[in-house]
C-alpha atoms as a PDB file:
ATOM      1  CA  MET A   1       0.000   0.000   0.000  1.00  0.00           C
ATOM      2  CA  ASP A   2       1.279   3.442  -0.874  1.00  0.00           C
ATOM      3  CA  THR A   3       1.589   5.376   2.386  1.00  0.00           C
ATOM      4  CA  HIS A   4       1.239   8.643   0.509  1.00  0.00           C
ATOM      5  CA  ASP A   5      -2.453   7.806   0.127  1.00  0.00           C
ATOM      6  CA  ILE A   6      -2.886   8.031   3.928  1.00  0.00           C
ATOM      7  CA  ARG A   7      -3.473  11.368   5.619  1.00  0.00           C
ATOM      8  CA  PHE A   8      -4.628  12.543   9.027  1.00  0.00           C
ATOM      9  CA  GLU A   9      -7.052  15.401   9.568  1.00  0.00           C
ATOM     10  CA  PRO A  10      -8.074  16.837  12.936  1.00  0.00           C
ATOM     11  CA  ILE A  11     -11.622  15.893  13.855  1.00  0.00           C
ATOM     12  CA  THR A  12     -13.588  19.116  13.594  1.00  0.00           C
ATOM     13  CA  ARG A  13     -17.118  20.374  13.097  1.00  0.00           C
ATOM     14  CA  HIS A  14     -16.670  19.498   9.429  1.00  0.00           C
ATOM     15  CA  ASN A  15     -16.054  15.755   9.794  1.00  0.00           C
ATOM     16  CA  TRP A  16     -17.136  14.667  13.281  1.00  0.00           C
ATOM     17  CA  GLU A  17     -20.479  13.262  12.159  1.00  0.00           C
ATOM     18  CA  ASP A  18     -18.791  11.066   9.543  1.00  0.00           C
ATOM     19  CA  VAL A  19     -16.294   9.864  12.171  1.00  0.00           C
ATOM     20  CA  LEU A  20     -19.154   8.838  14.490  1.00  0.00           C
ATOM     21  CA  ARG A  21     -20.356   6.405  11.794  1.00  0.00           C
ATOM     22  CA  LEU A  22     -17.099   4.418  11.899  1.00  0.00           C
ATOM     23  CA  GLU A  23     -17.462   0.918  13.365  1.00  0.00           C
ATOM     24  CA  VAL A  24     -15.379  -2.136  14.057  1.00  0.00           C
ATOM     25  CA  LEU A  25     -16.746  -5.670  13.865  1.00  0.00           C
ATOM     26  CA  PRO A  26     -18.999  -6.640  16.803  1.00  0.00           C
ATOM     27  CA  GLU A  27     -16.373  -9.040  18.201  1.00  0.00           C
ATOM     28  CA  GLN A  28     -13.806  -6.194  18.275  1.00  0.00           C
ATOM     29  CA  ARG A  29     -15.906  -3.632  20.144  1.00  0.00           C
ATOM     30  CA  HIS A  30     -14.482  -4.485  23.562  1.00  0.00           C
ATOM     31  CA  PHE A  31     -10.933  -3.856  22.287  1.00  0.00           C
ATOM     32  CA  VAL A  32     -11.244  -0.221  21.208  1.00  0.00           C
ATOM     33  CA  PRO A  33     -13.260   2.800  22.297  1.00  0.00           C
ATOM     34  CA  SER A  34     -15.968   3.927  19.923  1.00  0.00           C
ATOM     35  CA  PRO A  35     -15.442   7.216  18.092  1.00  0.00           C
ATOM     36  CA  THR A  36     -18.032   8.708  20.454  1.00  0.00           C
ATOM     37  CA  GLU A  37     -15.958   7.666  23.478  1.00  0.00           C
ATOM     38  CA  SER A  38     -12.753   9.014  21.918  1.00  0.00           C
ATOM     39  CA  LEU A  39     -14.338  12.380  21.153  1.00  0.00           C
ATOM     40  CA  ALA A  40     -15.775  12.536  24.661  1.00  0.00           C
ATOM     41  CA  ALA A  41     -12.262  11.885  26.041  1.00  0.00           C
ATOM     42  CA  ALA A  42     -10.915  14.727  23.875  1.00  0.00           C
ATOM     43  CA  TYR A  43     -13.466  17.029  25.444  1.00  0.00           C
ATOM     44  CA  VAL A  44     -13.290  15.763  29.044  1.00  0.00           C
ATOM     45  CA  LYS A  45      -9.527  15.003  29.104  1.00  0.00           C
ATOM     46  CA  PRO A  46      -9.809  12.256  31.745  1.00  0.00           C
ATOM     47  CA  TRP A  47      -6.033  11.765  31.985  1.00  0.00           C
ATOM     48  CA  ASP A  48      -5.281  15.436  32.625  1.00  0.00           C
ATOM     49  CA  GLU A  49      -3.297  15.574  29.381  1.00  0.00           C
ATOM     50  CA  ALA A  50      -3.752  17.157  25.990  1.00  0.00           C
ATOM     51  CA  LEU A  51      -5.749  14.913  23.686  1.00  0.00           C
ATOM     52  CA  ASP A  52      -5.988  15.491  19.938  1.00  0.00           C
ATOM     53  CA  PRO A  53      -8.393  13.363  17.840  1.00  0.00           C
ATOM     54  CA  TYR A  54      -7.728  12.652  14.158  1.00  0.00           C
ATOM     55  CA  ALA A  55      -9.657  11.189  11.244  1.00  0.00           C
ATOM     56  CA  ILE A  56      -7.761   8.809   8.953  1.00  0.00           C
ATOM     57  CA  TYR A  57      -8.263   9.109   5.199  1.00  0.00           C
ATOM     58  CA  LYS A  58      -7.032   6.891   2.397  1.00  0.00           C
ATOM     59  CA  ASP A  59      -7.228   8.957  -0.754  1.00  0.00           C
ATOM     60  CA  GLN A  60     -10.482  10.844  -0.112  1.00  0.00           C
ATOM     61  CA  GLN A  61     -12.203   8.022   1.849  1.00  0.00           C
ATOM     62  CA  LEU A  62     -12.578   8.155   5.641  1.00  0.00           C
ATOM     63  CA  ILE A  63     -11.304   4.792   6.912  1.00  0.00           C
ATOM     64  CA  GLY A  64     -10.702   5.295  10.626  1.00  0.00           C
ATOM     65  CA  CYS A  65      -9.700   7.465  13.552  1.00  0.00           C
ATOM     66  CA  PHE A  66      -7.315   7.701  16.485  1.00  0.00           C
ATOM     67  CA  TYR A  67      -6.142  10.170  19.082  1.00  0.00           C
ATOM     68  CA  ILE A  68      -2.863  11.267  20.569  1.00  0.00           C
ATOM     69  CA  SER A  69      -2.810  12.051  24.283  1.00  0.00           C
ATOM     70  CA  TYR A  70       0.299  13.683  25.669  1.00  0.00           C
ATOM     71  CA  THR A  71       1.950  16.011  28.107  1.00  0.00           C
ATOM     72  CA  PRO A  72       3.152  18.996  26.063  1.00  0.00           C
ATOM     73  CA  GLU A  73       6.931  19.385  25.926  1.00  0.00           C
ATOM     74  CA  SER A  74       7.541  15.983  27.526  1.00  0.00           C
ATOM     75  CA  SER A  75       9.863  13.496  25.848  1.00  0.00           C
ATOM     76  CA  ASP A  76       8.123  10.249  26.765  1.00  0.00           C
ATOM     77  CA  ASN A  77       4.458  10.858  27.629  1.00  0.00           C
ATOM     78  CA  TYR A  78       2.860  10.405  24.201  1.00  0.00           C
ATOM     79  CA  TRP A  79       0.100   7.853  23.702  1.00  0.00           C
ATOM     80  CA  ILE A  80      -1.722   6.517  20.665  1.00  0.00           C
ATOM     81  CA  GLY A  81      -5.290   5.660  21.585  1.00  0.00           C
ATOM     82  CA  GLY A  82      -8.616   4.786  20.056  1.00  0.00           C
ATOM     83  CA  LEU A  83      -7.010   3.512  16.850  1.00  0.00           C
ATOM     84  CA  LEU A  84      -9.892   2.219  14.804  1.00  0.00           C
ATOM     85  CA  ILE A  85     -10.075   1.064  11.195  1.00  0.00           C
ATOM     86  CA  ASP A  86     -13.682   0.809  10.014  1.00  0.00           C
ATOM     87  CA  HIS A  87     -14.815  -2.781   9.486  1.00  0.00           C
ATOM     88  CA  LYS A  88     -15.316  -2.130   5.742  1.00  0.00           C
ATOM     89  CA  PHE A  89     -11.590  -1.419   5.363  1.00  0.00           C
ATOM     90  CA  GLN A  90     -10.092  -4.100   7.615  1.00  0.00           C
ATOM     91  CA  GLY A  91      -7.978  -6.957   6.292  1.00  0.00           C
ATOM     92  CA  ARG A  92      -6.225  -4.807   3.685  1.00  0.00           C
ATOM     93  CA  GLY A  93      -3.090  -3.818   5.614  1.00  0.00           C
ATOM     94  CA  HIS A  94      -4.438  -0.391   6.550  1.00  0.00           C
ATOM     95  CA  GLY A  95      -3.795  -0.872  10.285  1.00  0.00           C
ATOM     96  CA  ARG A  96      -0.091  -1.545   9.751  1.00  0.00           C
ATOM     97  CA  THR A  97       0.273   1.302   7.259  1.00  0.00           C
ATOM     98  CA  VAL A  98      -1.621   3.757   9.445  1.00  0.00           C
ATOM     99  CA  LEU A  99       0.394   2.867  12.530  1.00  0.00           C
ATOM    100  CA  ARG A 100       3.672   3.373  10.635  1.00  0.00           C
ATOM    101  CA  GLU A 101       2.414   6.745   9.465  1.00  0.00           C
ATOM    102  CA  ILE A 102       1.366   7.730  13.014  1.00  0.00           C
ATOM    103  CA  LEU A 103       4.896   6.939  14.222  1.00  0.00           C
ATOM    104  CA  GLN A 104       6.217   9.402  11.643  1.00  0.00           C
ATOM    105  CA  PHE A 105       3.423  11.949  12.236  1.00  0.00           C
ATOM    106  CA  VAL A 106       3.699  12.397  16.015  1.00  0.00           C
ATOM    107  CA  PRO A 107       7.272  13.743  16.034  1.00  0.00           C
ATOM    108  CA  THR A 108       6.435  16.247  13.289  1.00  0.00           C
ATOM    109  CA  LEU A 109       3.896  17.765  15.684  1.00  0.00           C
ATOM    110  CA  HIS A 110       5.918  17.160  18.851  1.00  0.00           C
ATOM    111  CA  PRO A 111       9.676  17.388  18.168  1.00  0.00           C
ATOM    112  CA  ASN A 112      10.500  16.590  21.823  1.00  0.00           C
ATOM    113  CA  CYS A 113       8.821  13.187  21.556  1.00  0.00           C
ATOM    114  CA  GLU A 114      11.307  10.334  21.985  1.00  0.00           C
ATOM    115  CA  LYS A 115       8.927   7.516  22.895  1.00  0.00           C
ATOM    116  CA  ILE A 116       5.363   6.587  21.996  1.00  0.00           C
ATOM    117  CA  ASN A 117       3.172   4.396  24.181  1.00  0.00           C
ATOM    118  CA  LEU A 118      -0.069   2.518  23.691  1.00  0.00           C
ATOM    119  CA  THR A 119      -2.098  -0.104  25.479  1.00  0.00           C
ATOM    120  CA  VAL A 120      -3.460  -3.412  24.275  1.00  0.00           C
ATOM    121  CA  GLU A 121      -5.954  -5.831  25.765  1.00  0.00           C
ATOM    122  CA  LYS A 122      -4.361  -9.086  26.938  1.00  0.00           C
ATOM    123  CA  ASP A 123      -6.650 -11.141  24.690  1.00  0.00           C
ATOM    124  CA  ASN A 124      -6.207  -9.005  21.559  1.00  0.00           C
ATOM    125  CA  LEU A 125      -3.582 -11.251  19.978  1.00  0.00           C
ATOM    126  CA  VAL A 126      -3.936  -9.748  16.485  1.00  0.00           C
ATOM    127  CA  ALA A 127      -3.094  -6.263  17.779  1.00  0.00           C
ATOM    128  CA  GLN A 128      -0.263  -7.599  19.953  1.00  0.00           C
ATOM    129  CA  ARG A 129       1.357  -9.231  16.909  1.00  0.00           C
ATOM    130  CA  LEU A 130       0.942  -6.069  14.839  1.00  0.00           C
ATOM    131  CA  TYR A 131       2.445  -3.812  17.509  1.00  0.00           C
ATOM    132  CA  GLY A 132       5.323  -6.213  18.149  1.00  0.00           C
ATOM    133  CA  SER A 133       6.117  -6.481  14.444  1.00  0.00           C
ATOM    134  CA  LEU A 134       6.472  -2.691  14.275  1.00  0.00           C
ATOM    135  CA  GLY A 135       8.882  -2.534  17.219  1.00  0.00           C
ATOM    136  CA  PHE A 136       6.630  -1.891  20.211  1.00  0.00           C
ATOM    137  CA  GLY A 137       7.895  -3.657  23.297  1.00  0.00           C
ATOM    138  CA  ASP A 138       6.137  -4.723  26.476  1.00  0.00           C
ATOM    139  CA  THR A 139       7.050  -2.343  29.302  1.00  0.00           C
ATOM    140  CA  GLY A 140       6.103  -4.929  31.929  1.00  0.00           C
ATOM    141  CA  LYS A 141       3.389  -2.570  33.186  1.00  0.00           C
ATOM    142  CA  VAL A 142      -0.395  -2.586  32.999  1.00  0.00           C
ATOM    143  CA  ASN A 143      -2.792   0.318  33.357  1.00  0.00           C
ATOM    144  CA  LYS A 144      -5.676   0.504  35.822  1.00  0.00           C
ATOM    145  CA  TYR A 145      -7.905  -1.297  33.299  1.00  0.00           C
ATOM    146  CA  GLY A 146      -5.561  -4.298  33.115  1.00  0.00           C
ATOM    147  CA  GLU A 147      -4.313  -3.437  29.620  1.00  0.00           C
ATOM    148  CA  THR A 148      -0.683  -4.130  28.762  1.00  0.00           C
ATOM    149  CA  ILE A 149       1.419  -1.010  28.176  1.00  0.00           C
ATOM    150  CA  LEU A 150       3.685  -1.130  25.133  1.00  0.00           C
ATOM    151  CA  ALA A 151       6.236   1.464  24.033  1.00  0.00           C
ATOM    152  CA  ILE A 152       8.545   2.219  21.136  1.00  0.00           C
ATOM    153  CA  PRO A 153      11.537   4.557  21.222  1.00  0.00           C
ATOM    154  CA  LEU A 154      11.288   6.756  18.144  1.00  0.00           C
ATOM    155  CA  ARG A 155      14.864   6.145  17.074  1.00  0.00           C
ATOM    156  CA  ARG A 156      13.733   2.604  16.130  1.00  0.00           C
ATOM    157  CA  CYS A 157      11.125   3.819  13.666  1.00  0.00           C
ATOM    158  CA  ARG A 158      13.014   6.648  11.960  1.00  0.00           C
END
């Protein structure tokens, strides 16, 4: 897949309703927050951090969404969350391509960023394999929800 076809746009008043229509398969719903939950988190900021939601487009087609939560000016408190590829676009390598692009995108917005974190459910083996194949390593920690915390130093993906 040509990564130049992938772009990220902030979720705004112009695209939020389209983003709310994104869905994963029913058996995946417990693995990822819905777009509604992610947008609510962007508004409420439950982790007392900045949280920026993005829509994912391939060519001109909306295919997913994610957010970045972070502590501004930190070097290691950057998190990818709510990464969702709509069920109509799954199984085509978009998740891998999008994640690679996110790893390049975050430091363009946040030059101080040296490490990116994310969490994964213990029983989400597909996501664990994907994250591991891209260089994310298990930190040996879990969050308060029992999710495994993974991290990647950015020097490994540049």
